Amino acid sequence: MSEPRPKFGDALRDSLKLAAIAFVLAFPLVGFRLQDYGGASSIAFRPYALAGAVVAVFAGRMLILLGTGLAPTDILDRIKLPQPTSVQTSSLAGLFIATALALPLLPFANRYEIDLATTFLIYVMLGWGLNIVVGLAGLLDLGYVAFYATGAYTLALLSTHFGFGFWGALPIAGLAAASLGILLGFPVLRLRGDYLAIVTLGFGEIIRLILLNWTPVTGGPNGISGVPRPSFFGLPFLPSSASGQTFSQFFGVAFSAEQRVAWLYYIILALALLTLVFVQRLRRLPVGRAWEALREDEIACQAVGLNTTTVKLSAFALGAMLGGIAGCFFAARQGFVSPESFTFSESAIILAIVVLGGMGSQIGVVIAAAVLVGLPELGRNLAEYRMLLFGVAMVLIMIWRPRGLLAGRRPSIRVPLPAAQAAIAGEVA
């Protein structure tokens, strides 16, 4: 039986209410624009842009209500995103890996696209690292950027003071971040929920302020420059080198700056794939099942004899280690680190990737990272509406899929039904 369509008068009143809300929101965001004329700035009022935004909201609401008879939230509720099966997941992962490997070799791939793909993979790796803490263990961490910064500054300090290269500093950066994760874990063992989030938020800000004010060591707001770029097994990406052969000379090809960009891309791709395999294996081990049990019910974990202290510390340490490795790569890619790269907004973006992708979902993190990294880039030509589009997209996703894009929780280990029945029968007997 079809649902009754709303009357025209009711639809008109509802659309006018929504248009009034759109006017209030769009008035400061769309109605004014800062203009710069040779150093002299002025604010220009744009009535046509404001009117266009309000009319678009009004017309869209009317079309939805009169065309379908349903409110937008009802339409979104009726859209069901299919959960991928194991075969589909394997096929999707294989297609993604094949495309990622071939990307720098494609004729239409330029430096901008490879740089964007590198940034995307950095956020994917960070999302998988935070997914251990938030998605698997259920510990809300708002200061994850502190571990990201630890890895970056570890490479910067080791290279400038002790002559370390990228490959030598990479494991040290991971261990330094893991140690910091354990130090964070001890004070918050008794906290959960909002209280845990507040403490981790303060921890992230403490690390940022230390980096900003400890000028003799971290360089303060000026940061640290001269971070070495990763070489191709000892072959630098330079036109010429006094110490030996370069990459172009060894392979007999013309020097190009895109060679280093492609090598950086392949490095982060390899690190991301290793992270994926590492996390997937951990989920099947007892520690991974302990994380998921902790996420579901901490009291039940204690009742069955699990040491929740060890479980929490392992989640913080391993998640922080992956963040530190990603930070080490970030420093090598930029060649420069400063506290401005590790603000709370970075933690918020990484957490948004985990939440929007679906708690504990590896593929969901990839999809959410593509949305949150690619959407602002697609809106670069619409700079004045860029953040507005970004916010609208996030609101719609949370209305449509409040538990994330791929929120289905599947067991790490499936026990066949006959074996389960036999085990139950044995216990009863």
Foldseek 3Di string as FASTA:
>chain_A
DADDADDPVVLQVVLVVQLVVLLVVCCVQPQWDWDDDPNDIDIDGDPVRSVVRSVVSSVVSSCCRRVRSDGPLVVLQPDDDDFDDPVRVVVVVVVVLVCLVCQVVDPVRDLVNLVLLLVLLLLLLLLLLVLLQCQQQNADALQLLLLLQQLQLQLLQCCVPPNDALVVSLQVLLQRQLVVLLVLLVVCLPPGDPVRHVSNNVVNVVSLVCLQPVCVRQVHQVGGFQRAADADVPADLDQDDPVDHHPCRVVVHHRDPVVSSVVLSVVSVVLSVVSVVVSLVCCLDPLSVLSNVNSVPVVVCVVVPHDSSVSNSVSSSSSSSSSSSSSSSVNNVVSTDGSVVRDSVVSVLSVLLCQQLARNDSVSSSVSSCCQSVQLVVCVVVVSCSVVVVVVVSVSSCSSPVRHPNHDDDHSDDDDPVVVVVVVVVVVD
